[in-house]
């Protein structure tokens, strides 16, 4: 594949990876207030995305991909609320380990990365178009 075609392939892989990251972040935000349903049960645990690289066998281009979606194993914060259905025998309720501030910061970073990949894709398409114009 020509170098200009590789630009589109690389940028596309970055956009796909950031789309998956934004999906996971949105899931975290949506479940930030989910607690356990029975006494002492664990609440929603924050998910994280790990990126990796792969070589496209057809072009030899290095692409980005989501290696795995894991779980944030940090401690759950607790709140004293003995009337809550998920309260343990001491009256404490485990809260989700999702921080809305961190998730919104991650969403902004993922959006900017997606936009950077989109700009690279558009630049590659523009270069290819100008090259074809010169060859005419």
C-alpha atoms as a PDB file:
ATOM      1  CA  UNK A   1       0.000   0.000   0.000  1.00  0.00           C
ATOM      2  CA  UNK A   2       1.203   3.482  -0.761  1.00  0.00           C
ATOM      3  CA  UNK A   3       2.239   5.773   2.137  1.00  0.00           C
ATOM      4  CA  UNK A   4      -0.797   8.008   1.645  1.00  0.00           C
ATOM      5  CA  UNK A   5      -3.083   4.995   1.964  1.00  0.00           C
ATOM      6  CA  UNK A   6      -1.259   3.972   5.135  1.00  0.00           C
ATOM      7  CA  UNK A   7      -2.074   7.368   6.648  1.00  0.00           C
ATOM      8  CA  UNK A   8      -5.782   6.603   6.339  1.00  0.00           C
ATOM      9  CA  UNK A   9      -5.315   3.111   7.757  1.00  0.00           C
ATOM     10  CA  UNK A  10      -3.335   4.368  10.764  1.00  0.00           C
ATOM     11  CA  UNK A  11      -5.720   7.261  11.449  1.00  0.00           C
ATOM     12  CA  UNK A  12      -8.713   4.938  11.144  1.00  0.00           C
ATOM     13  CA  UNK A  13      -7.264   2.543  13.703  1.00  0.00           C
ATOM     14  CA  UNK A  14      -6.729   5.463  16.086  1.00  0.00           C
ATOM     15  CA  UNK A  15     -10.310   6.637  15.619  1.00  0.00           C
ATOM     16  CA  UNK A  16     -11.662   3.127  16.278  1.00  0.00           C
ATOM     17  CA  UNK A  17      -9.563   2.819  19.448  1.00  0.00           C
ATOM     18  CA  UNK A  18     -10.690   6.215  20.751  1.00  0.00           C
ATOM     19  CA  UNK A  19     -14.320   5.372  19.943  1.00  0.00           C
ATOM     20  CA  UNK A  20     -14.057   2.266  22.122  1.00  0.00           C
ATOM     21  CA  UNK A  21     -12.406   4.338  24.862  1.00  0.00           C
ATOM     22  CA  UNK A  22     -15.251   6.892  24.735  1.00  0.00           C
ATOM     23  CA  UNK A  23     -17.807   4.062  24.947  1.00  0.00           C
ATOM     24  CA  UNK A  24     -16.156   2.703  28.097  1.00  0.00           C
ATOM     25  CA  UNK A  25     -15.949   6.192  29.629  1.00  0.00           C
ATOM     26  CA  UNK A  26     -19.644   6.771  28.908  1.00  0.00           C
ATOM     27  CA  UNK A  27     -20.461   3.451  30.573  1.00  0.00           C
ATOM     28  CA  UNK A  28     -18.446   4.494  33.635  1.00  0.00           C
ATOM     29  CA  UNK A  29     -20.254   7.840  33.875  1.00  0.00           C
ATOM     30  CA  UNK A  30     -23.651   6.184  33.451  1.00  0.00           C
ATOM     31  CA  UNK A  31     -22.930   3.751  36.290  1.00  0.00           C
ATOM     32  CA  UNK A  32     -21.108   6.136  38.652  1.00  0.00           C
ATOM     33  CA  UNK A  33     -23.922   6.054  41.226  1.00  0.00           C
ATOM     34  CA  UNK A  34     -24.716   2.332  41.049  1.00  0.00           C
ATOM     35  CA  UNK A  35     -24.345   0.591  44.404  1.00  0.00           C
ATOM     36  CA  UNK A  36     -24.722  -3.042  45.331  1.00  0.00           C
ATOM     37  CA  UNK A  37     -28.217  -4.485  45.583  1.00  0.00           C
ATOM     38  CA  UNK A  38     -27.750  -6.533  48.737  1.00  0.00           C
ATOM     39  CA  UNK A  39     -26.036  -5.843  52.078  1.00  0.00           C
ATOM     40  CA  UNK A  40     -22.264  -5.605  51.644  1.00  0.00           C
ATOM     41  CA  UNK A  41     -22.448  -6.196  47.869  1.00  0.00           C
ATOM     42  CA  UNK A  42     -19.919  -4.535  45.603  1.00  0.00           C
ATOM     43  CA  UNK A  43     -21.033  -1.557  43.503  1.00  0.00           C
ATOM     44  CA  UNK A  44     -20.163  -0.875  39.880  1.00  0.00           C
ATOM     45  CA  UNK A  45     -16.397  -1.090  39.355  1.00  0.00           C
ATOM     46  CA  UNK A  46     -14.785   1.427  36.989  1.00  0.00           C
ATOM     47  CA  UNK A  47     -13.537   0.033  33.680  1.00  0.00           C
ATOM     48  CA  UNK A  48     -10.268   1.022  32.034  1.00  0.00           C
ATOM     49  CA  UNK A  49      -8.977   0.716  28.474  1.00  0.00           C
ATOM     50  CA  UNK A  50      -5.490  -0.504  27.618  1.00  0.00           C
ATOM     51  CA  UNK A  51      -4.142   0.217  24.152  1.00  0.00           C
ATOM     52  CA  UNK A  52      -1.706  -1.896  22.194  1.00  0.00           C
ATOM     53  CA  UNK A  53      -0.140  -1.928  18.787  1.00  0.00           C
ATOM     54  CA  UNK A  54      -0.420  -4.349  15.931  1.00  0.00           C
ATOM     55  CA  UNK A  55       1.162  -4.670  12.529  1.00  0.00           C
ATOM     56  CA  UNK A  56      -1.188  -4.727   9.563  1.00  0.00           C
ATOM     57  CA  UNK A  57      -0.112  -7.825   7.597  1.00  0.00           C
ATOM     58  CA  UNK A  58      -1.068  -6.302   4.249  1.00  0.00           C
ATOM     59  CA  UNK A  59       0.824  -3.034   4.576  1.00  0.00           C
ATOM     60  CA  UNK A  60       3.276  -3.442   7.434  1.00  0.00           C
ATOM     61  CA  UNK A  61       1.787  -0.330   9.054  1.00  0.00           C
ATOM     62  CA  UNK A  62       1.770  -0.079  12.835  1.00  0.00           C
ATOM     63  CA  UNK A  63      -1.801   0.346  14.038  1.00  0.00           C
ATOM     64  CA  UNK A  64      -3.310   1.062  17.436  1.00  0.00           C
ATOM     65  CA  UNK A  65      -5.943  -1.186  18.952  1.00  0.00           C
ATOM     66  CA  UNK A  66      -7.670  -1.774  22.251  1.00  0.00           C
ATOM     67  CA  UNK A  67      -5.744  -4.565  23.961  1.00  0.00           C
ATOM     68  CA  UNK A  68      -8.266  -5.063  26.706  1.00  0.00           C
ATOM     69  CA  UNK A  69     -10.961  -3.484  28.806  1.00  0.00           C
ATOM     70  CA  UNK A  70     -10.032  -4.104  32.422  1.00  0.00           C
ATOM     71  CA  UNK A  71     -11.334  -3.253  35.863  1.00  0.00           C
ATOM     72  CA  UNK A  72      -9.979  -0.552  38.181  1.00  0.00           C
ATOM     73  CA  UNK A  73      -9.164  -2.500  41.331  1.00  0.00           C
ATOM     74  CA  UNK A  74      -8.917   0.563  43.598  1.00  0.00           C
ATOM     75  CA  UNK A  75     -10.854   0.546  46.853  1.00  0.00           C
ATOM     76  CA  UNK A  76     -14.503   1.485  46.916  1.00  0.00           C
ATOM     77  CA  UNK A  77     -15.263   4.602  48.939  1.00  0.00           C
ATOM     78  CA  UNK A  78     -17.789   4.004  51.712  1.00  0.00           C
ATOM     79  CA  UNK A  79     -20.549   6.175  53.122  1.00  0.00           C
ATOM     80  CA  UNK A  80     -22.510   5.741  56.307  1.00  0.00           C
ATOM     81  CA  UNK A  81     -26.147   5.178  55.355  1.00  0.00           C
ATOM     82  CA  UNK A  82     -27.737   2.467  57.532  1.00  0.00           C
ATOM     83  CA  UNK A  83     -31.115   2.815  55.767  1.00  0.00           C
ATOM     84  CA  UNK A  84     -29.682   1.928  52.345  1.00  0.00           C
ATOM     85  CA  UNK A  85     -30.531  -1.611  51.108  1.00  0.00           C
ATOM     86  CA  UNK A  86     -26.850  -2.296  50.354  1.00  0.00           C
ATOM     87  CA  UNK A  87     -25.611  -1.208  53.805  1.00  0.00           C
ATOM     88  CA  UNK A  88     -23.500  -3.755  55.643  1.00  0.00           C
ATOM     89  CA  UNK A  89     -24.081  -4.707  59.293  1.00  0.00           C
ATOM     90  CA  UNK A  90     -22.172  -1.570  60.421  1.00  0.00           C
ATOM     91  CA  UNK A  91     -24.368   0.676  58.241  1.00  0.00           C
ATOM     92  CA  UNK A  92     -21.769   1.465  55.567  1.00  0.00           C
ATOM     93  CA  UNK A  93     -22.516   1.400  51.848  1.00  0.00           C
ATOM     94  CA  UNK A  94     -19.798   0.822  49.272  1.00  0.00           C
ATOM     95  CA  UNK A  95     -19.875   3.451  46.522  1.00  0.00           C
ATOM     96  CA  UNK A  96     -18.609   3.065  42.969  1.00  0.00           C
ATOM     97  CA  UNK A  97     -14.939   3.912  42.418  1.00  0.00           C
ATOM     98  CA  UNK A  98     -15.864   6.087  39.410  1.00  0.00           C
ATOM     99  CA  UNK A  99     -14.886   9.756  39.675  1.00  0.00           C
ATOM    100  CA  UNK A 100     -16.992  11.878  37.340  1.00  0.00           C
ATOM    101  CA  UNK A 101     -14.242  14.514  37.206  1.00  0.00           C
ATOM    102  CA  UNK A 102     -11.638  11.979  36.075  1.00  0.00           C
ATOM    103  CA  UNK A 103     -14.035  10.457  33.559  1.00  0.00           C
ATOM    104  CA  UNK A 104     -14.893  13.835  32.034  1.00  0.00           C
ATOM    105  CA  UNK A 105     -11.177  14.638  31.791  1.00  0.00           C
ATOM    106  CA  UNK A 106     -10.595  11.280  30.091  1.00  0.00           C
ATOM    107  CA  UNK A 107     -13.510  11.952  27.734  1.00  0.00           C
ATOM    108  CA  UNK A 108     -12.011  15.294  26.729  1.00  0.00           C
ATOM    109  CA  UNK A 109      -8.639  13.632  26.089  1.00  0.00           C
ATOM    110  CA  UNK A 110     -10.242  10.846  24.032  1.00  0.00           C
ATOM    111  CA  UNK A 111     -12.238  13.380  22.016  1.00  0.00           C
ATOM    112  CA  UNK A 112      -9.118  15.398  21.248  1.00  0.00           C
ATOM    113  CA  UNK A 113      -7.243  12.265  20.227  1.00  0.00           C
ATOM    114  CA  UNK A 114     -10.122  11.270  17.961  1.00  0.00           C
ATOM    115  CA  UNK A 115     -10.130  14.750  16.403  1.00  0.00           C
ATOM    116  CA  UNK A 116      -6.352  14.592  15.856  1.00  0.00           C
ATOM    117  CA  UNK A 117      -6.746  11.260  14.058  1.00  0.00           C
ATOM    118  CA  UNK A 118      -9.589  12.711  11.990  1.00  0.00           C
ATOM    119  CA  UNK A 119      -7.385  15.666  11.006  1.00  0.00           C
ATOM    120  CA  UNK A 120      -4.626  13.240   9.989  1.00  0.00           C
ATOM    121  CA  UNK A 121      -7.138  11.252   7.928  1.00  0.00           C
ATOM    122  CA  UNK A 122      -8.373  14.428   6.196  1.00  0.00           C
ATOM    123  CA  UNK A 123      -4.801  15.607   5.560  1.00  0.00           C
ATOM    124  CA  UNK A 124      -3.950  12.278   3.943  1.00  0.00           C
ATOM    125  CA  UNK A 125      -7.030  12.463   1.770  1.00  0.00           C
ATOM    126  CA  UNK A 126      -6.134  16.026   0.756  1.00  0.00           C
ATOM    127  CA  UNK A 127      -2.572  14.995  -0.151  1.00  0.00           C
ATOM    128  CA  UNK A 128      -3.868  12.109  -2.214  1.00  0.00           C
ATOM    129  CA  UNK A 129      -6.280  14.443  -4.042  1.00  0.00           C
ATOM    130  CA  UNK A 130      -3.519  16.980  -4.770  1.00  0.00           C
ATOM    131  CA  UNK A 131      -1.250  14.201  -6.014  1.00  0.00           C
ATOM    132  CA  UNK A 132      -3.938  13.022  -8.431  1.00  0.00           C
ATOM    133  CA  UNK A 133      -4.434  16.617  -9.618  1.00  0.00           C
ATOM    134  CA  UNK A 134      -0.699  16.926 -10.328  1.00  0.00           C
ATOM    135  CA  UNK A 135      -0.673  13.672 -12.283  1.00  0.00           C
ATOM    136  CA  UNK A 136      -3.443  14.840 -14.619  1.00  0.00           C
END
